[in-house]
Amino acid sequence: MPVKCPKCWATNSGTSHFCSDCGTRLGGAVENGNLPTMTLQPPPEALKAGETFAGKYEILGELGRGGMGEVYLAKDTTLSRKVALKFLPEDMYRNEAARGRFAYEARAAAALDHPYICSIHEVGESEGRLFFAMEYVEGINLRDRIAAGPVPLPEALSIAVEVSEALQKAHD
């Protein structure tokens, strides 16, 4: 009988001791008083400035990280342009559902063509990392702008209009 993982809700065979997606220990019998063990591959190490990723992206530095991704500034050495590389967070890279959401996000964004939505240049997996390369836009991000203090009304309205136009395009 299939067993659901209590952490990521992946379906596993009834004889599994560990989740095949995230490695969480599943319930089950203890044999001879010993708990079963499992060896997991360690997550990939953080990328460092100066390293090359996927044979063509020179890492320039980290831009930020959040619940659904880690973003690095890189130079695409093939096309001589700066790009933003987004990766699935290390703690989620074994989770099949999270990998699916990440790939869906990349495909959905790649299907959009709008001045306020970053273009997706490549989606792939390399060196044990699921990633996508997207257009890099210079400037301050919205979180940092809001943290800098009150946003004057004309600037707030301009931001709201741009976000609304991008959202409308995404939902057309």
Protein backbone atom coordinates (compact mmCIF):
# COMPACT_ATOMS: atom_id res chain seq x y z
CA MET A 1 0.00 0.00 0.00
CA PRO A 2 1.47 3.43 -0.95
CA VAL A 3 2.59 5.75 1.86
CA LYS A 4 2.46 9.57 1.82
CA CYS A 5 5.48 11.45 3.14
CA PRO A 6 4.50 13.60 6.15
CA LYS A 7 6.87 16.38 5.04
CA CYS A 8 6.49 16.77 1.26
CA TRP A 9 3.40 14.58 0.60
CA ALA A 10 5.17 12.54 -2.08
CA THR A 11 3.78 9.04 -2.67
CA ASN A 12 6.17 6.22 -1.75
CA SER A 13 5.91 2.43 -1.86
CA GLY A 14 4.65 0.80 1.32
CA THR A 15 8.01 -0.90 1.85
CA SER A 16 10.03 2.35 1.76
CA HIS A 17 11.68 3.49 4.97
CA PHE A 18 12.55 6.94 3.54
CA CYS A 19 10.80 9.35 1.17
CA SER A 20 12.20 9.07 -2.34
CA ASP A 21 11.78 12.84 -2.86
CA CYS A 22 12.99 14.51 0.34
CA GLY A 23 14.60 11.72 2.39
CA THR A 24 12.27 12.05 5.40
CA ARG A 25 12.02 8.88 7.51
CA LEU A 26 8.67 7.22 6.93
CA GLY A 27 6.87 5.20 9.62
CA GLY A 28 7.30 1.47 9.64
CA ALA A 29 8.62 -1.46 11.53
CA VAL A 30 11.98 -1.46 13.23
CA GLU A 31 13.90 -4.60 12.31
CA ASN A 32 15.95 -6.30 15.07
CA GLY A 33 15.83 -3.12 17.14
CA ASN A 34 17.76 -1.18 14.45
CA LEU A 35 16.45 1.85 12.63
CA PRO A 36 17.02 1.79 8.87
CA THR A 37 19.50 4.33 7.55
CA MET A 38 19.84 6.18 4.27
CA THR A 39 22.75 8.00 2.66
CA LEU A 40 21.76 11.21 0.87
CA GLN A 41 23.89 13.09 -1.59
CA PRO A 42 24.82 16.45 -0.07
CA PRO A 43 23.21 19.49 -1.66
CA PRO A 44 25.42 21.41 -4.06
CA GLU A 45 27.62 24.05 -2.43
CA ALA A 46 26.81 27.73 -2.85
CA LEU A 47 28.24 29.26 -6.00
CA LYS A 48 31.13 31.70 -5.61
CA ALA A 49 32.16 34.72 -7.66
CA GLY A 50 34.62 33.74 -10.38
CA GLU A 51 33.30 30.18 -10.77
CA THR A 52 31.86 29.00 -14.08
CA PHE A 53 28.48 27.27 -14.06
CA ALA A 54 27.12 25.04 -16.85
CA GLY A 55 30.20 25.71 -18.94
CA LYS A 56 29.20 29.24 -19.92
CA TYR A 57 27.97 31.32 -16.97
CA GLU A 58 30.66 33.20 -15.03
CA ILE A 59 29.28 33.85 -11.53
CA LEU A 60 29.64 37.52 -10.56
CA GLY A 61 27.86 37.39 -7.19
CA GLU A 62 24.67 36.57 -5.32
CA LEU A 63 21.67 38.87 -5.87
CA GLY A 64 19.33 37.33 -3.30
CA ARG A 65 17.52 34.28 -1.98
CA GLY A 66 14.02 33.45 -0.89
CA GLY A 67 11.58 30.62 -0.39
CA MET A 68 11.45 29.53 -4.04
CA GLY A 69 14.90 30.40 -5.26
CA GLU A 70 18.44 31.63 -5.05
CA VAL A 71 19.45 34.23 -7.64
CA TYR A 72 22.96 35.01 -8.85
CA LEU A 73 24.30 37.64 -11.22
CA ALA A 74 26.33 35.99 -13.96
CA LYS A 75 27.89 36.73 -17.32
CA ASP A 76 26.82 34.54 -20.22
CA THR A 77 30.26 34.13 -21.79
CA THR A 78 28.77 32.82 -25.04
CA LEU A 79 26.68 35.94 -25.70
CA SER A 80 28.69 38.43 -23.57
CA ARG A 81 25.73 39.65 -21.53
CA LYS A 82 24.76 39.76 -17.88
CA VAL A 83 22.00 37.39 -16.79
CA ALA A 84 20.27 36.48 -13.57
CA LEU A 85 20.54 32.76 -12.77
CA LYS A 86 17.74 31.43 -10.57
CA PHE A 87 18.17 28.10 -8.77
CA LEU A 88 15.85 25.96 -6.73
CA PRO A 89 16.91 26.37 -3.05
CA GLU A 90 19.30 23.68 -1.80
CA ASP A 91 16.83 22.39 0.80
CA MET A 92 14.23 21.72 -1.92
CA TYR A 93 16.27 20.28 -4.77
CA ARG A 94 15.36 16.65 -3.91
CA ASN A 95 11.62 17.40 -3.68
CA GLU A 96 9.91 16.36 -6.94
CA ALA A 97 6.89 18.62 -6.32
CA ALA A 98 9.12 21.66 -5.73
CA ARG A 99 11.15 20.81 -8.84
CA GLY A 100 7.90 20.64 -10.83
CA ARG A 101 6.73 24.03 -9.55
CA PHE A 102 10.12 25.56 -10.34
CA ALA A 103 10.08 24.21 -13.91
CA TYR A 104 6.47 25.35 -14.34
CA GLU A 105 7.42 28.87 -13.17
CA ALA A 106 10.21 29.00 -15.75
CA ARG A 107 8.00 27.74 -18.61
CA ALA A 108 5.17 30.11 -17.67
CA ALA A 109 7.52 33.10 -17.58
CA ALA A 110 9.18 32.06 -20.86
CA ALA A 111 5.79 32.14 -22.59
CA LEU A 112 5.32 35.83 -21.73
CA ASP A 113 6.59 38.76 -23.79
CA HIS A 114 6.15 42.06 -21.98
CA PRO A 115 8.45 44.99 -21.15
CA TYR A 116 7.80 44.56 -17.38
CA ILE A 117 8.45 40.79 -17.31
CA CYS A 118 12.01 39.43 -17.50
CA SER A 119 12.73 37.27 -20.55
CA ILE A 120 13.80 33.68 -19.92
CA HIS A 121 16.89 32.70 -21.94
CA GLU A 122 17.45 29.09 -20.83
CA VAL A 123 15.98 26.44 -18.54
CA GLY A 124 18.06 23.43 -17.57
CA GLU A 125 19.84 21.29 -15.05
CA SER A 126 23.59 21.22 -14.62
CA GLU A 127 26.00 20.21 -11.87
CA GLY A 128 23.10 18.84 -9.82
CA ARG A 129 21.19 22.13 -9.95
CA LEU A 130 17.88 22.97 -11.62
CA PHE A 131 18.11 26.53 -12.97
CA PHE A 132 16.91 29.11 -15.40
CA ALA A 133 18.78 32.03 -16.92
CA MET A 134 16.80 35.22 -17.34
CA GLU A 135 17.23 38.80 -18.37
CA TYR A 136 19.12 40.85 -15.78
CA VAL A 137 17.60 44.25 -15.01
CA GLU A 138 19.86 46.81 -13.30
CA GLY A 139 18.41 48.72 -10.40
CA ILE A 140 17.01 48.40 -6.91
CA ASN A 141 14.50 45.66 -6.15
CA LEU A 142 11.07 46.49 -4.76
CA ARG A 143 11.84 45.07 -1.29
CA ASP A 144 14.91 47.32 -0.90
CA ARG A 145 13.05 50.35 -2.28
CA ILE A 146 10.25 49.95 0.26
CA ALA A 147 12.77 49.38 3.08
CA ALA A 148 14.48 52.67 2.15
CA GLY A 149 11.49 54.63 3.41
CA PRO A 150 8.14 55.97 2.30
CA VAL A 151 7.55 55.85 -1.43
CA PRO A 152 6.23 59.17 -2.81
CA LEU A 153 2.75 58.86 -4.33
CA PRO A 154 3.80 59.44 -7.98
CA GLU A 155 6.48 56.73 -7.69
CA ALA A 156 4.07 54.35 -5.92
CA LEU A 157 1.46 54.87 -8.65
CA SER A 158 4.03 54.25 -11.37
CA ILE A 159 5.13 51.00 -9.68
CA ALA A 160 1.50 49.91 -9.22
CA VAL A 161 0.69 50.56 -12.89
CA GLU A 162 3.74 48.60 -14.10
CA VAL A 163 3.00 45.65 -11.80
CA SER A 164 -0.68 45.69 -12.85
CA GLU A 165 0.23 45.67 -16.55
CA ALA A 166 2.60 42.72 -16.04
CA LEU A 167 -0.04 40.82 -14.02
CA GLN A 168 -2.65 41.46 -16.71
CA LYS A 169 -0.30 40.06 -19.37
CA ALA A 170 0.40 37.00 -17.21
CA HIS A 171 -3.33 36.31 -16.84
CA ASP A 172 -4.37 36.95 -20.47
